[in-house]
PDB file of N, CA and C in Angstrom:
ATOM      1  N   MET A   1      79.627  -2.112  13.748  1.00  0.00           N
ATOM      2  CA  MET A   1      78.821  -1.852  14.911  1.00  0.00           C
ATOM      3  C   MET A   1      77.512  -1.173  14.535  1.00  0.00           C
ATOM      4  N   SER A   2      77.573  -0.316  13.545  1.00  0.00           N
ATOM      5  CA  SER A   2      76.368   0.387  13.147  1.00  0.00           C
ATOM      6  C   SER A   2      75.364  -0.537  12.469  1.00  0.00           C
ATOM      7  N   ASP A   3      75.806  -1.715  12.040  1.00  0.00           N
ATOM      8  CA  ASP A   3      74.874  -2.670  11.451  1.00  0.00           C
ATOM      9  C   ASP A   3      73.935  -3.256  12.502  1.00  0.00           C
ATOM     10  N   PHE A   4      74.416  -3.373  13.756  1.00  0.00           N
ATOM     11  CA  PHE A   4      73.575  -3.911  14.820  1.00  0.00           C
ATOM     12  C   PHE A   4      72.489  -2.926  15.233  1.00  0.00           C
ATOM     13  N   VAL A   5      72.811  -1.674  15.161  1.00  0.00           N
ATOM     14  CA  VAL A   5      71.866  -0.636  15.576  1.00  0.00           C
ATOM     15  C   VAL A   5      71.187  -0.116  14.323  1.00  0.00           C
ATOM     16  N   ALA A   6      70.032  -0.640  14.083  1.00  0.00           N
ATOM     17  CA  ALA A   6      69.279  -0.202  12.919  1.00  0.00           C
ATOM     18  C   ALA A   6      68.405   0.977  13.319  1.00  0.00           C
ATOM     19  N   LYS A   7      68.580   2.075  12.655  1.00  0.00           N
ATOM     20  CA  LYS A   7      67.788   3.257  12.972  1.00  0.00           C
ATOM     21  C   LYS A   7      66.451   3.156  12.252  1.00  0.00           C
ATOM     22  N   LYS A   8      65.397   3.213  13.055  1.00  0.00           N
ATOM     23  CA  LYS A   8      64.063   3.144  12.473  1.00  0.00           C
ATOM     24  C   LYS A   8      63.486   4.547  12.440  1.00  0.00           C
ATOM     25  N   ARG A   9      63.031   4.937  11.326  1.00  0.00           N
ATOM     26  CA  ARG A   9      62.408   6.242  11.192  1.00  0.00           C
ATOM     27  C   ARG A   9      60.910   6.106  11.459  1.00  0.00           C
ATOM     28  N   ILE A  10      60.396   7.098  12.130  1.00  0.00           N
ATOM     29  CA  ILE A  10      58.958   7.116  12.416  1.00  0.00           C
ATOM     30  C   ILE A  10      58.284   7.913  11.310  1.00  0.00           C
ATOM     31  N   SER A  11      57.316   7.285  10.710  1.00  0.00           N
ATOM     32  CA  SER A  11      56.628   7.953   9.609  1.00  0.00           C
ATOM     33  C   SER A  11      55.620   8.977  10.138  1.00  0.00           C
ATOM     34  N   LYS A  12      55.184   9.838   9.257  1.00  0.00           N
ATOM     35  CA  LYS A  12      54.210  10.867   9.630  1.00  0.00           C
ATOM     36  C   LYS A  12      52.872  10.228  10.032  1.00  0.00           C
ATOM     37  N   LYS A  13      52.555   9.114   9.432  1.00  0.00           N
ATOM     38  CA  LYS A  13      51.316   8.413   9.757  1.00  0.00           C
ATOM     39  C   LYS A  13      51.362   7.885  11.194  1.00  0.00           C
ATOM     40  N   GLU A  14      52.486   7.323  11.605  1.00  0.00           N
ATOM     41  CA  GLU A  14      52.617   6.826  12.973  1.00  0.00           C
ATOM     42  C   GLU A  14      52.579   7.961  13.985  1.00  0.00           C
ATOM     43  N   ILE A  15      53.193   9.095  13.672  1.00  0.00           N
ATOM     44  CA  ILE A  15      53.145  10.262  14.562  1.00  0.00           C
ATOM     45  C   ILE A  15      51.715  10.751  14.705  1.00  0.00           C
ATOM     46  N   PHE A  16      50.994  10.808  13.595  1.00  0.00           N
ATOM     47  CA  PHE A  16      49.593  11.242  13.633  1.00  0.00           C
ATOM     48  C   PHE A  16      48.752  10.302  14.492  1.00  0.00           C
ATOM     49  N   ILE A  17      48.971   9.015  14.369  1.00  0.00           N
ATOM     50  CA  ILE A  17      48.216   8.021  15.160  1.00  0.00           C
ATOM     51  C   ILE A  17      48.543   8.164  16.641  1.00  0.00           C
ATOM     52  N   LEU A  18      49.804   8.369  16.997  1.00  0.00           N
ATOM     53  CA  LEU A  18      50.185   8.545  18.399  1.00  0.00           C
ATOM     54  C   LEU A  18      49.574   9.811  19.002  1.00  0.00           C
ATOM     55  N   ILE A  19      49.589  10.888  18.258  1.00  0.00           N
ATOM     56  CA  ILE A  19      48.982  12.136  18.738  1.00  0.00           C
ATOM     57  C   ILE A  19      47.476  11.968  18.895  1.00  0.00           C
ATOM     58  N   LEU A  20      46.839  11.306  17.953  1.00  0.00           N
ATOM     59  CA  LEU A  20      45.397  11.072  18.034  1.00  0.00           C
ATOM     60  C   LEU A  20      45.046  10.206  19.239  1.00  0.00           C
ATOM     61  N   LEU A  21      45.813   9.158  19.498  1.00  0.00           N
ATOM     62  CA  LEU A  21      45.568   8.306  20.667  1.00  0.00           C
ATOM     63  C   LEU A  21      45.768   9.081  21.972  1.00  0.00           C
ATOM     64  N   ALA A  22      46.780   9.927  22.025  1.00  0.00           N
ATOM     65  CA  ALA A  22      47.007  10.739  23.225  1.00  0.00           C
ATOM     66  C   ALA A  22      45.841  11.694  23.460  1.00  0.00           C
ATOM     67  N   LEU A  23      45.313  12.304  22.423  1.00  0.00           N
ATOM     68  CA  LEU A  23      44.164  13.206  22.565  1.00  0.00           C
ATOM     69  C   LEU A  23      42.913  12.447  23.008  1.00  0.00           C
ATOM     70  N   ILE A  24      42.719  11.248  22.512  1.00  0.00           N
ATOM     71  CA  ILE A  24      41.561  10.442  22.918  1.00  0.00           C
ATOM     72  C   ILE A  24      41.660  10.075  24.393  1.00  0.00           C
ATOM     73  N   VAL A  25      42.848   9.686  24.856  1.00  0.00           N
ATOM     74  CA  VAL A  25      43.033   9.336  26.268  1.00  0.00           C
ATOM     75  C   VAL A  25      42.783  10.554  27.156  1.00  0.00           C
ATOM     76  N   VAL A  26      43.303  11.707  26.770  1.00  0.00           N
ATOM     77  CA  VAL A  26      43.063  12.932  27.544  1.00  0.00           C
ATOM     78  C   VAL A  26      41.578  13.261  27.563  1.00  0.00           C
ATOM     79  N   PHE A  27      40.886  13.120  26.449  1.00  0.00           N
ATOM     80  CA  PHE A  27      39.458  13.411  26.382  1.00  0.00           C
ATOM     81  C   PHE A  27      38.657  12.473  27.277  1.00  0.00           C
ATOM     82  N   ILE A  28      39.018  11.199  27.298  1.00  0.00           N
ATOM     83  CA  ILE A  28      38.271  10.226  28.098  1.00  0.00           C
ATOM     84  C   ILE A  28      38.459  10.466  29.592  1.00  0.00           C
ATOM     85  N   PHE A  29      39.674  10.776  30.023  1.00  0.00           N
ATOM     86  CA  PHE A  29      39.944  10.893  31.446  1.00  0.00           C
ATOM     87  C   PHE A  29      39.855  12.314  31.992  1.00  0.00           C
ATOM     88  N   PHE A  30      39.637  13.314  31.149  1.00  0.00           N
ATOM     89  CA  PHE A  30      39.502  14.683  31.629  1.00  0.00           C
ATOM     90  C   PHE A  30      38.154  14.828  32.329  1.00  0.00           C
ATOM     91  N   PRO A  31      38.144  15.273  33.580  1.00  0.00           N
ATOM     92  CA  PRO A  31      36.876  15.297  34.330  1.00  0.00           C
ATOM     93  C   PRO A  31      35.957  16.447  33.924  1.00  0.00           C
ATOM     94  N   ARG A  32      34.674  16.177  34.032  1.00  0.00           N
ATOM     95  CA  ARG A  32      33.648  17.209  33.858  1.00  0.00           C
ATOM     96  C   ARG A  32      33.007  17.442  35.211  1.00  0.00           C
ATOM     97  N   ARG A  33      32.851  18.703  35.581  1.00  0.00           N
ATOM     98  CA  ARG A  33      32.345  19.064  36.903  1.00  0.00           C
ATOM     99  C   ARG A  33      30.850  19.372  36.800  1.00  0.00           C
ATOM    100  N   HIS A  34      30.078  18.786  37.720  1.00  0.00           N
ATOM    101  CA  HIS A  34      28.643  19.036  37.807  1.00  0.00           C
ATOM    102  C   HIS A  34      28.309  19.418  39.240  1.00  0.00           C
ATOM    103  N   SER A  35      27.585  20.514  39.420  1.00  0.00           N
ATOM    104  CA  SER A  35      27.122  20.906  40.752  1.00  0.00           C
ATOM    105  C   SER A  35      25.655  20.525  40.871  1.00  0.00           C
ATOM    106  N   LEU A  36      25.336  19.747  41.887  1.00  0.00           N
ATOM    107  CA  LEU A  36      23.962  19.315  42.102  1.00  0.00           C
ATOM    108  C   LEU A  36      23.264  20.259  43.068  1.00  0.00           C
ATOM    109  N   LYS A  37      21.967  20.359  42.964  1.00  0.00           N
ATOM    110  CA  LYS A  37      21.191  21.249  43.816  1.00  0.00           C
ATOM    111  C   LYS A  37      20.544  20.480  44.959  1.00  0.00           C
ATOM    112  N   ASP A  38      21.358  19.702  45.647  1.00  0.00           N
ATOM    113  CA  ASP A  38      20.852  18.911  46.762  1.00  0.00           C
ATOM    114  C   ASP A  38      21.474  19.347  48.076  1.00  0.00           C
ATOM    115  N   GLY A  39      22.103  20.492  48.081  1.00  0.00           N
ATOM    116  CA  GLY A  39      22.730  21.001  49.286  1.00  0.00           C
ATOM    117  C   GLY A  39      24.174  21.377  49.058  1.00  0.00           C
ATOM    118  N   GLY A  40      24.757  20.980  47.933  1.00  0.00           N
ATOM    119  CA  GLY A  40      26.125  21.356  47.638  1.00  0.00           C
ATOM    120  C   GLY A  40      26.997  20.242  47.120  1.00  0.00           C
ATOM    121  N   THR A  41      26.436  19.129  46.665  1.00  0.00           N
ATOM    122  CA  THR A  41      27.226  18.021  46.141  1.00  0.00           C
ATOM    123  C   THR A  41      27.846  18.412  44.800  1.00  0.00           C
ATOM    124  N   VAL A  42      29.118  18.052  44.622  1.00  0.00           N
ATOM    125  CA  VAL A  42      29.832  18.284  43.371  1.00  0.00           C
ATOM    126  C   VAL A  42      30.302  16.933  42.851  1.00  0.00           C
ATOM    127  N   THR A  43      30.033  16.649  41.571  1.00  0.00           N
ATOM    128  CA  THR A  43      30.492  15.394  40.970  1.00  0.00           C
ATOM    129  C   THR A  43      31.488  15.704  39.866  1.00  0.00           C
ATOM    130  N   TYR A  44      32.482  14.838  39.752  1.00  0.00           N
ATOM    131  CA  TYR A  44      33.464  14.901  38.680  1.00  0.00           C
ATOM    132  C   TYR A  44      33.343  13.587  37.925  1.00  0.00           C
ATOM    133  N   GLU A  45      33.032  13.673  36.622  1.00  0.00           N
ATOM    134  CA  GLU A  45      32.798  12.477  35.818  1.00  0.00           C
ATOM    135  C   GLU A  45      33.697  12.473  34.595  1.00  0.00           C
ATOM    136  N   SER A  46      34.027  11.270  34.134  1.00  0.00           N
ATOM    137  CA  SER A  46      34.684  11.169  32.843  1.00  0.00           C
ATOM    138  C   SER A  46      33.636  11.437  31.769  1.00  0.00           C
ATOM    139  N   CYS A  47      34.093  11.591  30.558  1.00  0.00           N
ATOM    140  CA  CYS A  47      33.109  11.810  29.498  1.00  0.00           C
ATOM    141  C   CYS A  47      32.257  10.549  29.331  1.00  0.00           C
ATOM    142  N   PHE A  48      31.251  10.613  28.545  1.00  0.00           N
ATOM    143  CA  PHE A  48      30.288   9.533  28.343  1.00  0.00           C
ATOM    144  C   PHE A  48      29.504   9.269  29.624  1.00  0.00           C
ATOM    145  N   SER A  49      29.143  10.324  30.347  1.00  0.00           N
ATOM    146  CA  SER A  49      28.299  10.267  31.550  1.00  0.00           C
ATOM    147  C   SER A  49      28.871   9.377  32.644  1.00  0.00           C
ATOM    148  N   GLY A  50      30.156   9.455  32.859  1.00  0.00           N
ATOM    149  CA  GLY A  50      30.774   8.751  33.971  1.00  0.00           C
ATOM    150  C   GLY A  50      30.910   7.257  33.786  1.00  0.00           C
ATOM    151  N   VAL A  51      31.038   6.788  32.564  1.00  0.00           N
ATOM    152  CA  VAL A  51      31.187   5.353  32.333  1.00  0.00           C
ATOM    153  C   VAL A  51      32.508   4.852  32.915  1.00  0.00           C
ATOM    154  N   VAL A  52      33.576   5.628  32.775  1.00  0.00           N
ATOM    155  CA  VAL A  52      34.887   5.202  33.253  1.00  0.00           C
ATOM    156  C   VAL A  52      35.002   5.423  34.756  1.00  0.00           C
ATOM    157  N   TYR A  53      34.733   6.647  35.223  1.00  0.00           N
ATOM    158  CA  TYR A  53      34.805   6.924  36.660  1.00  0.00           C
ATOM    159  C   TYR A  53      33.883   8.083  37.025  1.00  0.00           C
ATOM    160  N   THR A  54      33.504   8.130  38.304  1.00  0.00           N
ATOM    161  CA  THR A  54      32.738   9.231  38.877  1.00  0.00           C
ATOM    162  C   THR A  54      33.224   9.437  40.305  1.00  0.00           C
ATOM    163  N   ILE A  55      33.469  10.691  40.650  1.00  0.00           N
ATOM    164  CA  ILE A  55      33.864  11.042  42.009  1.00  0.00           C
ATOM    165  C   ILE A  55      32.848  12.047  42.527  1.00  0.00           C
ATOM    166  N   GLU A  56      32.207  11.738  43.660  1.00  0.00           N
ATOM    167  CA  GLU A  56      31.224  12.624  44.270  1.00  0.00           C
ATOM    168  C   GLU A  56      31.798  13.200  45.554  1.00  0.00           C
ATOM    169  N   GLN A  57      31.767  14.508  45.665  1.00  0.00           N
ATOM    170  CA  GLN A  57      32.123  15.177  46.904  1.00  0.00           C
ATOM    171  C   GLN A  57      30.791  15.610  47.517  1.00  0.00           C
ATOM    172  N   ARG A  58      30.279  14.792  48.431  1.00  0.00           N
ATOM    173  CA  ARG A  58      28.915  14.964  48.920  1.00  0.00           C
ATOM    174  C   ARG A  58      28.788  15.993  50.025  1.00  0.00           C
ATOM    175  N   HIS A  59      27.757  16.790  49.899  1.00  0.00           N
ATOM    176  CA  HIS A  59      27.262  17.679  50.949  1.00  0.00           C
ATOM    177  C   HIS A  59      25.768  17.761  50.676  1.00  0.00           C
ATOM    178  N   ARG A  60      25.070  16.713  51.047  1.00  0.00           N
ATOM    179  CA  ARG A  60      23.682  16.495  50.636  1.00  0.00           C
ATOM    180  C   ARG A  60      22.757  16.640  51.835  1.00  0.00           C
ATOM    181  N   LEU A  61      21.697  17.422  51.675  1.00  0.00           N
ATOM    182  CA  LEU A  61      20.705  17.603  52.718  1.00  0.00           C
ATOM    183  C   LEU A  61      19.756  16.412  52.730  1.00  0.00           C
ATOM    184  N   GLN A  62      19.634  15.768  53.878  1.00  0.00           N
ATOM    185  CA  GLN A  62      18.773  14.605  54.041  1.00  0.00           C
ATOM    186  C   GLN A  62      17.363  15.035  54.447  1.00  0.00           C
ATOM    187  N   ASP A  63      16.410  14.110  54.392  1.00  0.00           N
ATOM    188  CA  ASP A  63      15.027  14.403  54.756  1.00  0.00           C
ATOM    189  C   ASP A  63      14.875  14.765  56.229  1.00  0.00           C
ATOM    190  N   ASN A  64      15.750  14.248  57.073  1.00  0.00           N
ATOM    191  CA  ASN A  64      15.634  14.506  58.501  1.00  0.00           C
ATOM    192  C   ASN A  64      16.266  15.831  58.913  1.00  0.00           C
ATOM    193  N   GLY A  65      16.791  16.619  57.955  1.00  0.00           N
ATOM    194  CA  GLY A  65      17.328  17.935  58.241  1.00  0.00           C
ATOM    195  C   GLY A  65      18.803  17.964  58.549  1.00  0.00           C
ATOM    196  N   TYR A  66      19.513  16.862  58.371  1.00  0.00           N
ATOM    197  CA  TYR A  66      20.950  16.808  58.600  1.00  0.00           C
ATOM    198  C   TYR A  66      21.673  16.619  57.275  1.00  0.00           C
ATOM    199  N   TYR A  67      22.955  16.978  57.239  1.00  0.00           N
ATOM    200  CA  TYR A  67      23.744  16.857  56.019  1.00  0.00           C
ATOM    201  C   TYR A  67      24.524  15.554  55.979  1.00  0.00           C
ATOM    202  N   GLU A  68      24.629  14.995  54.766  1.00  0.00           N
ATOM    203  CA  GLU A  68      25.507  13.854  54.512  1.00  0.00           C
ATOM    204  C   GLU A  68      26.777  14.407  53.865  1.00  0.00           C
ATOM    205  N   ASN A  69      27.910  14.172  54.480  1.00  0.00           N
ATOM    206  CA  ASN A  69      29.192  14.679  54.005  1.00  0.00           C
ATOM    207  C   ASN A  69      30.132  13.519  53.718  1.00  0.00           C
ATOM    208  N   GLY A  70      30.991  13.685  52.696  1.00  0.00           N
ATOM    209  CA  GLY A  70      31.999  12.668  52.407  1.00  0.00           C
ATOM    210  C   GLY A  70      32.310  12.576  50.928  1.00  0.00           C
ATOM    211  N   ILE A  71      33.121  11.602  50.586  1.00  0.00           N
ATOM    212  CA  ILE A  71      33.545  11.369  49.206  1.00  0.00           C
ATOM    213  C   ILE A  71      33.177   9.941  48.815  1.00  0.00           C
ATOM    214  N   VAL A  72      32.626   9.788  47.604  1.00  0.00           N
ATOM    215  CA  VAL A  72      32.286   8.475  47.062  1.00  0.00           C
ATOM    216  C   VAL A  72      32.933   8.370  45.685  1.00  0.00           C
ATOM    217  N   ILE A  73      33.622   7.245  45.428  1.00  0.00           N
ATOM    218  CA  ILE A  73      34.297   7.029  44.151  1.00  0.00           C
ATOM    219  C   ILE A  73      33.717   5.782  43.486  1.00  0.00           C
ATOM    220  N   TYR A  74      33.314   5.946  42.224  1.00  0.00           N
ATOM    221  CA  TYR A  74      32.809   4.842  41.406  1.00  0.00           C
ATOM    222  C   TYR A  74      33.762   4.648  40.225  1.00  0.00           C
ATOM    223  N   ILE A  75      34.110   3.410  39.934  1.00  0.00           N
ATOM    224  CA  ILE A  75      34.861   3.084  38.723  1.00  0.00           C
ATOM    225  C   ILE A  75      34.037   2.062  37.957  1.00  0.00           C
ATOM    226  N   ALA A  76      33.710   2.406  36.733  1.00  0.00           N
ATOM    227  CA  ALA A  76      32.872   1.581  35.865  1.00  0.00           C
ATOM    228  C   ALA A  76      31.537   1.271  36.535  1.00  0.00           C
ATOM    229  N   GLY A  77      31.006   2.237  37.271  1.00  0.00           N
ATOM    230  CA  GLY A  77      29.708   2.083  37.906  1.00  0.00           C
ATOM    231  C   GLY A  77      29.718   1.287  39.201  1.00  0.00           C
ATOM    232  N   ILE A  78      30.889   0.841  39.650  1.00  0.00           N
ATOM    233  CA  ILE A  78      30.994   0.059  40.874  1.00  0.00           C
ATOM    234  C   ILE A  78      31.592   0.941  41.958  1.00  0.00           C
ATOM    235  N   GLU A  79      30.921   1.012  43.092  1.00  0.00           N
ATOM    236  CA  GLU A  79      31.408   1.836  44.191  1.00  0.00           C
ATOM    237  C   GLU A  79      32.626   1.169  44.818  1.00  0.00           C
ATOM    238  N   ILE A  80      33.764   1.891  44.812  1.00  0.00           N
ATOM    239  CA  ILE A  80      34.973   1.313  45.386  1.00  0.00           C
ATOM    240  C   ILE A  80      35.412   2.026  46.656  1.00  0.00           C
ATOM    241  N   PHE A  81      34.916   3.235  46.904  1.00  0.00           N
ATOM    242  CA  PHE A  81      35.290   3.969  48.110  1.00  0.00           C
ATOM    243  C   PHE A  81      34.108   4.817  48.542  1.00  0.00           C
ATOM    244  N   ASN A  82      33.805   4.764  49.849  1.00  0.00           N
ATOM    245  CA  ASN A  82      32.702   5.555  50.380  1.00  0.00           C
ATOM    246  C   ASN A  82      33.007   5.884  51.840  1.00  0.00           C
ATOM    247  N   ASN A  83      33.250   7.148  52.114  1.00  0.00           N
ATOM    248  CA  ASN A  83      33.438   7.568  53.495  1.00  0.00           C
ATOM    249  C   ASN A  83      32.394   8.603  53.902  1.00  0.00           C
ATOM    250  N   SER A  84      31.265   8.628  53.207  1.00  0.00           N
ATOM    251  CA  SER A  84      30.229   9.601  53.524  1.00  0.00           C
ATOM    252  C   SER A  84      29.451   9.147  54.754  1.00  0.00           C
ATOM    253  N   GLU A  85      29.106  10.115  55.562  1.00  0.00           N
ATOM    254  CA  GLU A  85      28.323   9.834  56.762  1.00  0.00           C
ATOM    255  C   GLU A  85      27.429  11.029  57.049  1.00  0.00           C
ATOM    256  N   ILE A  86      26.362  10.767  57.766  1.00  0.00           N
ATOM    257  CA  ILE A  86      25.410  11.817  58.103  1.00  0.00           C
ATOM    258  C   ILE A  86      25.877  12.488  59.386  1.00  0.00           C
ATOM    259  N   ASP A  87      26.015  13.802  59.330  1.00  0.00           N
ATOM    260  CA  ASP A  87      26.469  14.578  60.478  1.00  0.00           C
ATOM    261  C   ASP A  87      25.258  14.921  61.334  1.00  0.00           C
ATOM    262  N   ASN A  88      25.060  14.153  62.408  1.00  0.00           N
ATOM    263  CA  ASN A  88      23.908  14.356  63.285  1.00  0.00           C
ATOM    264  C   ASN A  88      24.160  15.371  64.380  1.00  0.00           C
ATOM    265  N   SER A  89      25.340  15.978  64.415  1.00  0.00           N
ATOM    266  CA  SER A  89      25.661  16.895  65.499  1.00  0.00           C
ATOM    267  C   SER A  89      24.985  18.249  65.324  1.00  0.00           C
ATOM    268  N   VAL A  90      24.886  18.740  64.094  1.00  0.00           N
ATOM    269  CA  VAL A  90      24.315  20.067  63.856  1.00  0.00           C
ATOM    270  C   VAL A  90      23.232  19.951  62.793  1.00  0.00           C
ATOM    271  N   PRO A  91      21.982  20.303  63.121  1.00  0.00           N
ATOM    272  CA  PRO A  91      20.937  20.264  62.094  1.00  0.00           C
ATOM    273  C   PRO A  91      21.131  21.388  61.085  1.00  0.00           C
ATOM    274  N   ALA A  92      20.701  21.139  59.880  1.00  0.00           N
ATOM    275  CA  ALA A  92      20.822  22.133  58.817  1.00  0.00           C
ATOM    276  C   ALA A  92      19.774  23.210  58.984  1.00  0.00           C
ATOM    277  N   GLU A  93      20.127  24.414  58.589  1.00  0.00           N
ATOM    278  CA  GLU A  93      19.169  25.512  58.581  1.00  0.00           C
ATOM    279  C   GLU A  93      18.361  25.395  57.293  1.00  0.00           C
ATOM    280  N   THR A  94      17.210  24.774  57.375  1.00  0.00           N
ATOM    281  CA  THR A  94      16.421  24.579  56.163  1.00  0.00           C
ATOM    282  C   THR A  94      15.579  25.803  55.824  1.00  0.00           C
ATOM    283  N   ARG A  95      15.216  26.573  56.828  1.00  0.00           N
ATOM    284  CA  ARG A  95      14.437  27.780  56.577  1.00  0.00           C
ATOM    285  C   ARG A  95      14.979  28.892  57.453  1.00  0.00           C
ATOM    286  N   SER A  96      15.172  30.047  56.867  1.00  0.00           N
ATOM    287  CA  SER A  96      15.683  31.176  57.631  1.00  0.00           C
ATOM    288  C   SER A  96      14.534  31.853  58.377  1.00  0.00           C
ATOM    289  N   SER A  97      14.889  32.727  59.299  1.00  0.00           N
ATOM    290  CA  SER A  97      13.860  33.428  60.075  1.00  0.00           C
ATOM    291  C   SER A  97      13.050  34.366  59.188  1.00  0.00           C
ATOM    292  N   ASP A  98      13.674  34.922  58.136  1.00  0.00           N
ATOM    293  CA  ASP A  98      12.934  35.788  57.209  1.00  0.00           C
ATOM    294  C   ASP A  98      11.843  35.011  56.482  1.00  0.00           C
ATOM    295  N   VAL A  99      12.166  33.810  56.055  1.00  0.00           N
ATOM    296  CA  VAL A  99      11.176  32.983  55.369  1.00  0.00           C
ATOM    297  C   VAL A  99      10.050  32.612  56.327  1.00  0.00           C
ATOM    298  N   GLU A 100      10.393  32.287  57.564  1.00  0.00           N
ATOM    299  CA  GLU A 100       9.371  31.948  58.562  1.00  0.00           C
ATOM    300  C   GLU A 100       8.437  33.123  58.817  1.00  0.00           C
ATOM    301  N   SER A 101       8.997  34.331  58.971  1.00  0.00           N
ATOM    302  CA  SER A 101       8.146  35.495  59.243  1.00  0.00           C
ATOM    303  C   SER A 101       7.267  35.830  58.047  1.00  0.00           C
ATOM    304  N   LEU A 102       7.790  35.686  56.833  1.00  0.00           N
ATOM    305  CA  LEU A 102       6.971  35.926  55.640  1.00  0.00           C
ATOM    306  C   LEU A 102       5.871  34.884  55.514  1.00  0.00           C
ATOM    307  N   SER A 103       6.182  33.634  55.826  1.00  0.00           N
ATOM    308  CA  SER A 103       5.160  32.583  55.770  1.00  0.00           C
ATOM    309  C   SER A 103       4.042  32.857  56.777  1.00  0.00           C
ATOM    310  N   GLU A 104       4.400  33.310  57.963  1.00  0.00           N
ATOM    311  CA  GLU A 104       3.381  33.645  58.971  1.00  0.00           C
ATOM    312  C   GLU A 104       2.530  34.817  58.517  1.00  0.00           C
ATOM    313  N   GLU A 105       3.165  35.822  57.907  1.00  0.00           N
ATOM    314  CA  GLU A 105       2.400  36.984  57.428  1.00  0.00           C
ATOM    315  C   GLU A 105       1.457  36.590  56.294  1.00  0.00           C
ATOM    316  N   ILE A 106       1.909  35.744  55.389  1.00  0.00           N
ATOM    317  CA  ILE A 106       1.046  35.273  54.299  1.00  0.00           C
ATOM    318  C   ILE A 106      -0.124  34.482  54.858  1.00  0.00           C
ATOM    319  N   ASP A 107       0.140  33.623  55.836  1.00  0.00           N
ATOM    320  CA  ASP A 107      -0.945  32.862  56.463  1.00  0.00           C
ATOM    321  C   ASP A 107      -1.952  33.785  57.125  1.00  0.00           C
ATOM    322  N   ARG A 108      -1.475  34.847  57.794  1.00  0.00           N
ATOM    323  CA  ARG A 108      -2.394  35.790  58.440  1.00  0.00           C
ATOM    324  C   ARG A 108      -3.275  36.485  57.412  1.00  0.00           C
ATOM    325  N   VAL A 109      -2.688  36.916  56.290  1.00  0.00           N
ATOM    326  CA  VAL A 109      -3.455  37.654  55.284  1.00  0.00           C
ATOM    327  C   VAL A 109      -4.416  36.721  54.555  1.00  0.00           C
ATOM    328  N   VAL A 110      -3.954  35.554  54.179  1.00  0.00           N
ATOM    329  CA  VAL A 110      -4.777  34.656  53.407  1.00  0.00           C
ATOM    330  C   VAL A 110      -5.886  34.041  54.249  1.00  0.00           C
ATOM    331  N   TYR A 111      -5.546  33.596  55.452  1.00  0.00           N
ATOM    332  CA  TYR A 111      -6.508  32.896  56.278  1.00  0.00           C
ATOM    333  C   TYR A 111      -7.179  33.800  57.306  1.00  0.00           C
ATOM    334  N   LYS A 112      -6.806  35.086  57.346  1.00  0.00           N
ATOM    335  CA  LYS A 112      -7.401  36.096  58.237  1.00  0.00           C
ATOM    336  C   LYS A 112      -7.434  35.630  59.694  1.00  0.00           C
ATOM    337  N   THR A 113      -6.287  35.199  60.201  1.00  0.00           N
ATOM    338  CA  THR A 113      -6.247  34.754  61.587  1.00  0.00           C
ATOM    339  C   THR A 113      -5.635  35.776  62.488  1.00  0.00           C
TER     340      THR A 113
END
């Protein structure tokens, strides 16, 4: 019976190759986090600048003063999921009252009005 079951030993070279392949796979698929300065968007990319995948968690300030919120997923540069939409219900606070009052004071001093 033991003749049918041949025990194969794994060599040290094969173990090294398996460990190396596992480390390469982990390195390729381990996400890198990037925070963008567009209102709060966060991207998670695979190594090599998102060649394999990119996931964007959007919170982006638009030109019209509203935020775009949602998640966008790219695989190999092709958009496969997008649920982002512009939230038109509440405008973004683009300038605080302190900034407005300082801008008015600077205008008064500079332009003597």
